[in-house]
Amino acid sequence: MVTRDDLEQLVKNRGQEAVGAAVVKIPDEDVRPALMLMVMIYQKSDEINREIFRRDQKRIAELEDELEKARAELHRLEQEK
């Protein structure tokens, strides 16, 4: 049976030929379970990436608000001179 560690080693291969050579070594009876595990890992990774993106977008919006307030304050101070 293919384990997560086996799949992690597979992912370390770079390039189509290297990946293809590594995939060929997976026994036929393990291909479906390996594919299922890879899909589950991909889905979790995608979920994590979406959450990071959401947090980053929220933080960017907060920083833009702070920047706008600082610009408005600077403009107000310049007008007082």
N, C-alpha and C. Protein backbone atom coordinates (compact mmCIF):
# COMPACT_ATOMS: atom_id res chain seq x y z
N MET A 1 0.84 -1.19 0.00
CA MET A 1 0.00 0.00 0.00
C MET A 1 0.88 1.25 0.00
N VAL A 2 0.48 2.23 -0.76
CA VAL A 2 1.20 3.49 -0.86
C VAL A 2 0.84 4.35 0.35
N THR A 3 1.86 4.89 1.00
CA THR A 3 1.63 5.74 2.17
C THR A 3 1.79 7.21 1.79
N ARG A 4 1.43 8.05 2.71
CA ARG A 4 1.62 9.48 2.51
C ARG A 4 3.10 9.79 2.29
N ASP A 5 3.97 9.12 3.02
CA ASP A 5 5.41 9.31 2.85
C ASP A 5 5.85 8.94 1.43
N ASP A 6 5.28 7.86 0.91
CA ASP A 6 5.60 7.46 -0.48
C ASP A 6 5.19 8.57 -1.45
N LEU A 7 4.02 9.13 -1.21
CA LEU A 7 3.53 10.19 -2.10
C LEU A 7 4.37 11.45 -1.95
N GLU A 8 4.82 11.74 -0.74
CA GLU A 8 5.68 12.90 -0.54
C GLU A 8 6.99 12.73 -1.32
N GLN A 9 7.52 11.52 -1.33
CA GLN A 9 8.73 11.25 -2.11
C GLN A 9 8.44 11.41 -3.60
N LEU A 10 7.27 10.98 -4.02
CA LEU A 10 6.87 11.10 -5.42
C LEU A 10 6.80 12.56 -5.83
N VAL A 11 6.28 13.40 -4.97
CA VAL A 11 6.13 14.83 -5.26
C VAL A 11 7.48 15.51 -5.40
N LYS A 12 8.50 14.98 -4.76
CA LYS A 12 9.83 15.59 -4.82
C LYS A 12 10.45 15.48 -6.21
N ASN A 13 9.93 14.56 -7.03
CA ASN A 13 10.43 14.42 -8.40
C ASN A 13 10.04 15.65 -9.20
N ARG A 14 10.95 16.11 -10.01
CA ARG A 14 10.69 17.30 -10.84
C ARG A 14 10.75 16.91 -12.31
N GLY A 15 9.81 17.42 -13.05
CA GLY A 15 9.77 17.15 -14.48
C GLY A 15 8.91 15.94 -14.79
N GLN A 16 8.32 15.97 -15.94
CA GLN A 16 7.38 14.93 -16.35
C GLN A 16 8.04 13.56 -16.42
N GLU A 17 9.26 13.49 -16.93
CA GLU A 17 9.93 12.19 -17.05
C GLU A 17 10.23 11.59 -15.69
N ALA A 18 10.71 12.39 -14.75
CA ALA A 18 11.04 11.89 -13.42
C ALA A 18 9.78 11.43 -12.68
N VAL A 19 8.71 12.21 -12.80
CA VAL A 19 7.45 11.82 -12.16
C VAL A 19 6.92 10.55 -12.80
N GLY A 20 6.95 10.50 -14.12
CA GLY A 20 6.47 9.30 -14.83
C GLY A 20 7.23 8.06 -14.43
N ALA A 21 8.55 8.16 -14.30
CA ALA A 21 9.36 7.02 -13.90
C ALA A 21 9.01 6.57 -12.48
N ALA A 22 8.74 7.51 -11.61
CA ALA A 22 8.39 7.18 -10.23
C ALA A 22 6.99 6.57 -10.15
N VAL A 23 6.05 7.10 -10.93
CA VAL A 23 4.67 6.59 -10.91
C VAL A 23 4.61 5.15 -11.42
N VAL A 24 5.41 4.83 -12.41
CA VAL A 24 5.42 3.48 -12.97
C VAL A 24 5.77 2.44 -11.91
N LYS A 25 6.51 2.84 -10.90
CA LYS A 25 6.92 1.92 -9.83
C LYS A 25 5.79 1.59 -8.86
N ILE A 26 4.69 2.35 -8.90
CA ILE A 26 3.57 2.07 -8.00
C ILE A 26 2.84 0.83 -8.51
N PRO A 27 2.66 -0.17 -7.64
CA PRO A 27 1.93 -1.38 -8.07
C PRO A 27 0.51 -1.02 -8.49
N ASP A 28 0.01 -1.75 -9.50
CA ASP A 28 -1.32 -1.46 -10.05
C ASP A 28 -2.40 -1.43 -8.97
N GLU A 29 -2.34 -2.35 -8.01
CA GLU A 29 -3.38 -2.42 -6.99
C GLU A 29 -3.34 -1.22 -6.02
N ASP A 30 -2.24 -0.47 -6.06
CA ASP A 30 -2.11 0.69 -5.18
C ASP A 30 -2.42 2.02 -5.88
N VAL A 31 -2.66 1.98 -7.18
CA VAL A 31 -2.85 3.22 -7.93
C VAL A 31 -4.11 3.97 -7.46
N ARG A 32 -5.22 3.28 -7.34
CA ARG A 32 -6.46 3.96 -6.91
C ARG A 32 -6.34 4.52 -5.49
N PRO A 33 -5.88 3.73 -4.52
CA PRO A 33 -5.72 4.32 -3.18
C PRO A 33 -4.73 5.49 -3.18
N ALA A 34 -3.68 5.40 -3.97
CA ALA A 34 -2.70 6.49 -4.04
C ALA A 34 -3.34 7.74 -4.64
N LEU A 35 -4.12 7.54 -5.68
CA LEU A 35 -4.81 8.68 -6.31
C LEU A 35 -5.79 9.32 -5.33
N MET A 36 -6.52 8.48 -4.60
CA MET A 36 -7.47 9.01 -3.63
C MET A 36 -6.74 9.82 -2.55
N LEU A 37 -5.62 9.31 -2.06
CA LEU A 37 -4.85 10.02 -1.05
C LEU A 37 -4.31 11.33 -1.60
N MET A 38 -3.84 11.32 -2.84
CA MET A 38 -3.33 12.54 -3.45
C MET A 38 -4.44 13.59 -3.60
N VAL A 39 -5.63 13.16 -3.99
CA VAL A 39 -6.75 14.09 -4.12
C VAL A 39 -7.10 14.69 -2.77
N MET A 40 -7.12 13.86 -1.73
CA MET A 40 -7.44 14.35 -0.39
C MET A 40 -6.38 15.35 0.09
N ILE A 41 -5.12 15.06 -0.17
CA ILE A 41 -4.04 15.97 0.21
C ILE A 41 -4.17 17.28 -0.57
N TYR A 42 -4.46 17.18 -1.86
CA TYR A 42 -4.63 18.38 -2.68
C TYR A 42 -5.79 19.22 -2.15
N GLN A 43 -6.90 18.58 -1.83
CA GLN A 43 -8.07 19.31 -1.33
C GLN A 43 -7.75 20.04 -0.03
N LYS A 44 -7.03 19.38 0.87
CA LYS A 44 -6.67 20.02 2.14
C LYS A 44 -5.72 21.19 1.89
N SER A 45 -4.79 20.99 0.98
CA SER A 45 -3.86 22.07 0.63
C SER A 45 -4.62 23.26 0.04
N ASP A 46 -5.57 22.97 -0.82
CA ASP A 46 -6.38 24.03 -1.43
C ASP A 46 -7.18 24.76 -0.36
N GLU A 47 -7.75 24.02 0.57
CA GLU A 47 -8.51 24.63 1.67
C GLU A 47 -7.61 25.57 2.49
N ILE A 48 -6.41 25.11 2.80
CA ILE A 48 -5.47 25.93 3.57
C ILE A 48 -5.08 27.18 2.79
N ASN A 49 -4.79 27.02 1.51
CA ASN A 49 -4.41 28.16 0.68
C ASN A 49 -5.54 29.19 0.58
N ARG A 50 -6.77 28.72 0.47
CA ARG A 50 -7.91 29.64 0.41
C ARG A 50 -8.05 30.43 1.72
N GLU A 51 -7.83 29.75 2.84
CA GLU A 51 -7.93 30.42 4.14
C GLU A 51 -6.81 31.46 4.28
N ILE A 52 -5.62 31.11 3.87
CA ILE A 52 -4.51 32.07 3.91
C ILE A 52 -4.82 33.27 3.02
N PHE A 53 -5.33 33.02 1.82
CA PHE A 53 -5.68 34.09 0.90
C PHE A 53 -6.75 34.99 1.51
N ARG A 54 -7.77 34.38 2.14
CA ARG A 54 -8.85 35.15 2.78
C ARG A 54 -8.28 36.05 3.88
N ARG A 55 -7.41 35.49 4.71
CA ARG A 55 -6.81 36.29 5.79
C ARG A 55 -5.96 37.42 5.22
N ASP A 56 -5.18 37.10 4.18
CA ASP A 56 -4.34 38.13 3.56
C ASP A 56 -5.19 39.26 2.98
N GLN A 57 -6.28 38.91 2.31
CA GLN A 57 -7.16 39.92 1.73
C GLN A 57 -7.77 40.80 2.82
N LYS A 58 -8.16 40.17 3.93
CA LYS A 58 -8.72 40.93 5.04
C LYS A 58 -7.68 41.89 5.60
N ARG A 59 -6.45 41.41 5.78
CA ARG A 59 -5.38 42.25 6.32
C ARG A 59 -5.04 43.39 5.36
N ILE A 60 -5.03 43.11 4.08
CA ILE A 60 -4.77 44.15 3.08
C ILE A 60 -5.83 45.24 3.18
N ALA A 61 -7.10 44.83 3.30
CA ALA A 61 -8.19 45.82 3.41
C ALA A 61 -8.02 46.66 4.67
N GLU A 62 -7.63 46.02 5.77
CA GLU A 62 -7.40 46.77 7.02
C GLU A 62 -6.26 47.77 6.86
N LEU A 63 -5.18 47.35 6.23
CA LEU A 63 -4.04 48.23 6.02
C LEU A 63 -4.38 49.38 5.08
N GLU A 64 -5.18 49.09 4.05
CA GLU A 64 -5.60 50.16 3.14
C GLU A 64 -6.46 51.19 3.88
N ASP A 65 -7.31 50.71 4.78
CA ASP A 65 -8.12 51.64 5.59
C ASP A 65 -7.22 52.52 6.46
N GLU A 66 -6.24 51.89 7.10
CA GLU A 66 -5.31 52.65 7.94
C GLU A 66 -4.54 53.68 7.12
N LEU A 67 -4.11 53.27 5.93
CA LEU A 67 -3.38 54.17 5.06
C LEU A 67 -4.25 55.36 4.65
N GLU A 68 -5.48 55.09 4.29
CA GLU A 68 -6.41 56.15 3.90
C GLU A 68 -6.64 57.13 5.05
N LYS A 69 -6.79 56.60 6.26
CA LYS A 69 -6.97 57.46 7.44
C LYS A 69 -5.73 58.31 7.68
N ALA A 70 -4.56 57.71 7.52
CA ALA A 70 -3.31 58.45 7.71
C ALA A 70 -3.17 59.55 6.66
N ARG A 71 -3.54 59.25 5.42
CA ARG A 71 -3.49 60.27 4.37
C ARG A 71 -4.45 61.41 4.66
N ALA A 72 -5.64 61.06 5.13
CA ALA A 72 -6.62 62.09 5.46
C ALA A 72 -6.11 62.96 6.61
N GLU A 73 -5.51 62.36 7.60
CA GLU A 73 -4.95 63.11 8.73
C GLU A 73 -3.81 64.00 8.26
N LEU A 74 -2.96 63.49 7.41
CA LEU A 74 -1.86 64.28 6.86
C LEU A 74 -2.40 65.47 6.08
N HIS A 75 -3.40 65.22 5.28
CA HIS A 75 -4.02 66.28 4.49
C HIS A 75 -4.62 67.35 5.41
N ARG A 76 -5.30 66.90 6.47
CA ARG A 76 -5.89 67.84 7.43
C ARG A 76 -4.82 68.67 8.10
N LEU A 77 -3.71 68.04 8.48
CA LEU A 77 -2.62 68.79 9.13
C LEU A 77 -1.99 69.79 8.18
N GLU A 78 -1.86 69.40 6.93
CA GLU A 78 -1.30 70.32 5.94
C GLU A 78 -2.23 71.53 5.73
N GLN A 79 -3.53 71.30 5.81
CA GLN A 79 -4.50 72.38 5.62
C GLN A 79 -4.46 73.36 6.79
N GLU A 80 -4.08 72.89 7.97
CA GLU A 80 -4.03 73.74 9.17
C GLU A 80 -2.84 74.70 9.14
N LYS A 81 -1.86 74.42 8.35
CA LYS A 81 -0.65 75.28 8.32
C LYS A 81 -0.94 76.63 7.75
